[in-house]
N, C-alpha and C. Protein backbone atom coordinates (compact mmCIF):
# COMPACT_ATOMS: atom_id res chain seq x y z
N UNK A 1 79.49 97.80 85.57
CA UNK A 1 80.60 98.32 86.50
C UNK A 1 81.30 97.53 87.24
N UNK A 2 80.12 97.03 87.36
CA UNK A 2 80.75 95.87 88.95
C UNK A 2 81.79 94.94 88.32
N UNK A 3 81.52 94.85 86.31
CA UNK A 3 82.69 93.91 86.18
C UNK A 3 84.02 94.63 86.14
N UNK A 4 84.28 95.88 85.91
CA UNK A 4 85.42 96.67 86.07
C UNK A 4 85.88 96.72 87.13
N UNK A 5 85.32 96.97 88.57
CA UNK A 5 85.58 97.55 89.20
C UNK A 5 85.34 96.74 90.61
N UNK A 6 85.09 95.29 90.13
CA UNK A 6 85.19 94.11 91.59
C UNK A 6 86.54 93.66 91.41
N UNK A 7 87.56 93.40 90.29
CA UNK A 7 88.53 92.96 89.86
C UNK A 7 89.82 93.40 90.87
N UNK A 8 89.29 95.28 90.51
CA UNK A 8 90.37 95.75 90.64
C UNK A 8 90.27 95.58 92.29
N UNK A 9 89.01 95.65 93.19
CA UNK A 9 89.45 95.22 94.71
C UNK A 9 89.79 94.11 94.90
N UNK A 10 89.28 92.98 94.36
CA UNK A 10 89.47 92.01 94.76
C UNK A 10 91.17 91.70 94.56
N UNK A 11 92.18 92.17 93.88
CA UNK A 11 93.36 92.19 93.85
C UNK A 11 93.55 92.92 94.87
N UNK A 12 93.80 93.34 95.89
CA UNK A 12 94.25 94.31 97.07
C UNK A 12 94.37 93.79 97.59
N UNK A 13 95.51 94.24 98.37
CA UNK A 13 95.94 93.39 99.77
C UNK A 13 95.07 94.18 100.86
N UNK A 14 93.98 92.85 102.02
CA UNK A 14 93.47 93.87 102.69
C UNK A 14 91.99 94.17 102.41
N UNK A 15 91.61 93.37 100.96
CA UNK A 15 90.65 94.00 101.02
C UNK A 15 89.33 93.14 101.50
N UNK A 16 88.32 92.85 101.91
CA UNK A 16 87.61 92.12 102.24
C UNK A 16 86.13 91.90 101.67
N UNK A 17 85.11 92.54 101.97
CA UNK A 17 83.91 92.70 101.27
C UNK A 17 83.92 94.18 100.86
N UNK A 18 82.75 93.81 99.76
CA UNK A 18 81.97 95.50 99.22
C UNK A 18 80.88 94.66 99.07
N UNK A 19 79.78 95.86 99.48
CA UNK A 19 78.11 96.04 99.60
C UNK A 19 77.97 97.17 98.38
N UNK A 20 76.99 98.01 97.58
CA UNK A 20 76.85 98.84 96.76
C UNK A 20 75.33 98.83 97.18
N UNK A 21 75.11 99.81 97.31
CA UNK A 21 73.46 100.28 97.61
C UNK A 21 73.09 101.51 96.70
N UNK A 22 71.87 101.27 96.14
CA UNK A 22 71.69 102.27 94.87
C UNK A 22 70.25 102.74 95.29
N UNK A 23 69.65 104.06 95.38
CA UNK A 23 68.34 104.31 95.59
C UNK A 23 67.25 104.00 94.46
N UNK A 24 66.36 103.91 95.03
CA UNK A 24 65.24 103.31 94.22
C UNK A 24 64.97 104.37 93.00
N UNK A 25 65.42 105.21 92.82
CA UNK A 25 65.58 106.65 91.56
C UNK A 25 66.34 106.20 90.91
N UNK A 26 67.70 105.25 91.59
CA UNK A 26 68.98 104.80 90.81
C UNK A 26 69.60 105.85 90.41
N UNK A 27 69.68 106.87 91.16
CA UNK A 27 71.06 108.01 90.68
C UNK A 27 72.10 109.02 91.94
N UNK A 28 71.54 107.38 92.82
CA UNK A 28 72.74 107.70 94.20
C UNK A 28 73.21 107.09 94.38
N UNK A 29 74.07 106.53 95.11
CA UNK A 29 74.82 104.73 95.10
C UNK A 29 75.72 105.40 96.11
N UNK A 30 75.63 104.35 97.53
CA UNK A 30 77.11 104.25 98.00
C UNK A 30 77.33 102.98 97.92
N UNK A 31 78.96 102.74 97.51
CA UNK A 31 79.52 101.78 97.71
C UNK A 31 80.57 101.52 99.18
N UNK A 32 80.02 100.48 99.69
CA UNK A 32 80.85 100.26 101.47
C UNK A 32 82.22 99.38 101.02
N UNK A 33 82.95 99.39 101.66
CA UNK A 33 83.78 98.31 100.96
C UNK A 33 84.78 98.20 102.45
N UNK A 34 84.87 96.87 102.66
CA UNK A 34 85.30 96.58 104.28
C UNK A 34 87.34 95.81 103.94
N UNK A 35 88.07 96.63 104.94
CA UNK A 35 89.58 96.34 104.85
C UNK A 35 90.07 95.60 106.26
N UNK A 36 91.58 95.22 106.53
CA UNK A 36 91.61 94.27 107.20
C UNK A 36 92.50 95.92 107.64
N UNK A 37 93.09 96.83 107.46
CA UNK A 37 93.97 97.24 108.12
C UNK A 37 93.48 99.03 107.40
N UNK A 38 93.40 100.08 108.28
CA UNK A 38 93.42 102.00 107.07
C UNK A 38 94.84 101.34 106.05
N UNK A 39 95.94 100.71 106.80
CA UNK A 39 97.37 101.63 105.91
C UNK A 39 96.69 100.37 104.09
N UNK A 40 95.59 99.05 104.35
CA UNK A 40 94.96 98.31 103.49
C UNK A 40 94.54 99.31 102.58
N UNK A 41 93.48 99.89 103.09
CA UNK A 41 92.51 101.45 102.34
C UNK A 41 93.48 102.47 102.03
N UNK A 42 94.35 102.77 102.61
CA UNK A 42 94.93 103.81 102.10
C UNK A 42 95.49 103.49 101.25
N UNK A 43 96.28 102.36 100.55
CA UNK A 43 96.98 101.67 99.37
C UNK A 43 95.97 101.61 98.45
N UNK A 44 95.50 100.85 98.75
CA UNK A 44 94.38 101.12 97.27
C UNK A 44 93.97 102.62 97.02
N UNK A 45 93.79 103.51 98.35
CA UNK A 45 93.43 105.01 97.81
C UNK A 45 94.26 105.57 96.73
N UNK A 46 95.99 105.31 97.04
CA UNK A 46 96.86 106.00 96.26
C UNK A 46 97.13 105.00 94.99
N UNK A 47 96.44 104.38 94.37
CA UNK A 47 97.45 103.26 93.32
C UNK A 47 95.65 102.96 92.56
N UNK A 48 94.67 102.48 93.14
CA UNK A 48 94.18 101.63 92.05
C UNK A 48 92.43 102.68 92.19
N UNK A 49 92.55 103.30 93.49
CA UNK A 49 91.18 104.16 92.75
C UNK A 49 91.43 105.20 92.01
N UNK A 50 92.63 105.99 91.46
CA UNK A 50 92.42 106.23 90.34
C UNK A 50 91.86 105.46 89.39
N UNK A 51 92.18 104.16 89.49
CA UNK A 51 91.35 103.72 87.80
C UNK A 51 90.04 103.67 88.11
N UNK A 52 89.35 103.11 89.08
CA UNK A 52 87.81 103.50 89.66
C UNK A 52 87.65 104.80 89.08
N UNK A 53 88.32 105.59 89.65
CA UNK A 53 87.45 107.14 89.27
C UNK A 53 87.71 107.09 87.61
N UNK A 54 88.69 106.18 87.12
CA UNK A 54 88.62 107.12 85.60
C UNK A 54 87.29 105.84 84.82
N UNK A 55 86.92 105.09 85.96
CA UNK A 55 85.86 103.89 85.00
C UNK A 55 84.06 104.86 85.42
N UNK A 56 84.58 105.35 86.51
CA UNK A 56 83.31 105.91 87.05
C UNK A 56 82.59 107.34 86.21
N UNK A 57 83.92 107.52 86.10
CA UNK A 57 83.81 109.20 85.32
C UNK A 57 82.87 109.23 83.79
N UNK A 58 82.45 107.85 83.48
CA UNK A 58 81.80 107.62 81.90
C UNK A 58 80.33 107.37 82.49
N UNK A 59 79.88 107.32 83.90
CA UNK A 59 78.18 107.46 84.36
C UNK A 59 77.87 108.23 85.12
N UNK A 60 78.99 109.25 85.70
CA UNK A 60 79.02 109.92 86.88
C UNK A 60 78.77 112.06 86.71
N UNK A 61 78.03 112.29 87.23
CA UNK A 61 78.18 113.89 86.81
C UNK A 61 79.19 114.59 87.44
N UNK A 62 78.86 113.84 88.72
CA UNK A 62 79.71 114.45 89.95
C UNK A 62 80.77 113.78 90.14
N UNK A 63 82.19 113.92 91.03
CA UNK A 63 82.90 113.09 91.38
C UNK A 63 82.65 112.54 92.26
N UNK A 64 82.60 111.38 92.70
CA UNK A 64 82.32 110.96 94.27
C UNK A 64 83.28 110.94 95.69
N UNK A 65 82.20 111.50 96.64
CA UNK A 65 83.60 111.21 97.50
C UNK A 65 83.71 109.84 98.39
N UNK A 66 84.50 110.24 99.11
CA UNK A 66 85.62 108.87 99.88
C UNK A 66 85.94 109.29 101.02
N UNK A 67 85.56 108.33 101.79
CA UNK A 67 85.34 108.57 103.66
C UNK A 67 86.31 107.02 103.91
N UNK A 68 86.65 107.25 105.06
CA UNK A 68 87.30 106.38 105.96
C UNK A 68 86.51 105.96 107.14
N UNK A 69 85.80 104.85 107.92
CA UNK A 69 85.17 105.10 108.78
C UNK A 69 85.78 103.96 109.56
N UNK A 70 86.06 103.94 110.85
CA UNK A 70 86.24 102.46 111.95
C UNK A 70 85.10 102.42 112.25
N UNK A 71 84.83 100.44 112.28
CA UNK A 71 83.61 100.35 112.29
C UNK A 71 83.65 99.90 114.12
N UNK A 72 82.60 100.35 114.19
CA UNK A 72 82.05 100.46 116.06
C UNK A 72 81.53 99.60 116.50
N UNK A 73 80.40 98.71 115.59
CA UNK A 73 79.46 97.65 115.85
C UNK A 73 79.28 97.33 115.21
N UNK A 74 78.87 96.16 114.98
CA UNK A 74 77.82 95.15 113.54
C UNK A 74 77.55 93.97 114.18
N UNK A 75 76.00 93.47 114.21
CA UNK A 75 75.24 92.76 114.75
C UNK A 75 76.02 91.34 113.79
N UNK A 76 75.67 90.35 114.79
CA UNK A 76 76.66 88.96 114.47
C UNK A 76 75.99 88.10 113.77
N UNK A 77 74.59 88.41 113.33
CA UNK A 77 74.25 87.82 111.86
C UNK A 77 75.07 87.25 111.14
N UNK A 78 74.16 86.48 110.21
CA UNK A 78 74.97 85.80 108.81
C UNK A 78 75.59 86.99 107.81
N UNK A 79 74.53 87.77 107.43
CA UNK A 79 75.38 88.83 106.57
C UNK A 79 76.79 89.94 107.01
N UNK A 80 76.53 89.92 108.54
CA UNK A 80 77.68 90.76 108.95
C UNK A 80 78.80 90.18 109.74
N UNK A 81 78.09 88.68 109.85
CA UNK A 81 79.01 88.05 111.22
C UNK A 81 80.07 87.81 110.73
N UNK A 82 80.99 88.09 109.77
CA UNK A 82 82.66 88.08 109.14
C UNK A 82 83.17 89.13 109.70
N UNK A 83 82.44 90.25 109.46
CA UNK A 83 82.64 91.92 109.84
C UNK A 83 82.46 91.96 111.94
N UNK A 84 81.75 91.33 112.28
CA UNK A 84 81.53 91.31 113.50
C UNK A 84 82.37 90.19 114.72
N UNK A 85 83.36 89.28 113.33
CA UNK A 85 84.37 88.13 114.54
C UNK A 85 85.67 88.94 113.81
N UNK A 86 85.25 89.88 113.17
CA UNK A 86 87.17 91.01 112.82
C UNK A 86 87.14 91.61 114.27
N UNK A 87 86.05 92.46 114.52
CA UNK A 87 85.91 93.30 115.52
C UNK A 87 86.53 92.90 116.99
N UNK A 88 86.21 92.04 116.91
CA UNK A 88 87.00 91.10 118.06
C UNK A 88 88.59 91.20 118.63
N UNK A 89 89.16 91.05 116.80
CA UNK A 89 90.10 90.98 116.67
C UNK A 89 90.86 92.29 116.75
N UNK A 90 90.01 93.36 116.82
CA UNK A 90 90.79 94.98 116.50
C UNK A 90 91.00 95.33 114.84
N UNK A 91 89.97 94.37 114.07
CA UNK A 91 90.21 94.89 112.64
C UNK A 91 89.34 95.74 112.30
N UNK A 92 88.80 96.62 112.07
CA UNK A 92 87.58 97.81 111.94
C UNK A 92 88.11 98.72 110.86
N UNK A 93 87.64 98.54 109.87
CA UNK A 93 88.03 99.79 109.01
C UNK A 93 86.72 99.41 107.71
N UNK A 94 86.39 100.10 107.53
CA UNK A 94 85.48 100.55 106.40
C UNK A 94 85.25 101.84 105.21
N UNK A 95 85.23 101.47 104.60
CA UNK A 95 85.32 102.21 103.09
C UNK A 95 84.07 103.20 102.42
N UNK A 96 83.97 104.58 102.70
CA UNK A 96 82.64 104.93 101.58
C UNK A 96 82.78 105.45 100.89
N UNK A 97 82.54 104.74 99.41
CA UNK A 97 82.79 105.77 98.36
C UNK A 97 80.76 106.28 98.33
N UNK A 98 80.72 107.52 97.89
CA UNK A 98 79.51 107.89 97.98
C UNK A 98 79.28 108.41 96.41
N UNK A 99 78.54 108.12 95.29
CA UNK A 99 78.13 108.48 94.25
C UNK A 99 76.61 109.47 93.97
N UNK A 100 76.46 111.02 93.38
CA UNK A 100 75.43 111.19 93.29
C UNK A 100 74.99 111.53 92.04
N UNK A 101 74.51 111.94 91.70
CA UNK A 101 73.63 112.20 90.22
C UNK A 101 74.06 111.08 89.25
N UNK A 102 73.95 109.61 89.28
CA UNK A 102 74.73 108.82 88.37
C UNK A 102 73.89 109.07 86.79
N UNK A 103 74.15 109.31 85.72
CA UNK A 103 73.84 108.80 84.53
C UNK A 103 74.65 109.28 83.83
N UNK A 104 74.38 108.72 82.28
CA UNK A 104 75.37 108.98 80.97
C UNK A 104 75.67 110.44 81.14
N UNK A 105 76.76 110.40 80.88
CA UNK A 105 77.41 111.75 80.51
C UNK A 105 77.09 112.11 78.88
N UNK A 106 77.38 113.61 79.23
CA UNK A 106 77.23 113.75 77.28
C UNK A 106 78.59 114.32 77.28
């Protein structure tokens, strides 16, 4: 999946980073992407996100939910350092894609 979805994200204006979390049972996932602005995240939602849904529809039982969040805080460590520095500049948009019941569709 990442071979198909990552290039879609990398080509989007304002895309910064993404992290994907998978449960130990590998049946639930959360992908969090970081954007320069809410406008950039919304532009992605209206165009490219449909391609992401088509890709995911081959492996998930339920359609994922998508939410925008304002980032309130991040520790200044190595992992979140770039996000922490963006907060100082007022750039603080995160988008969460929640996928439940991952499995091969029949």
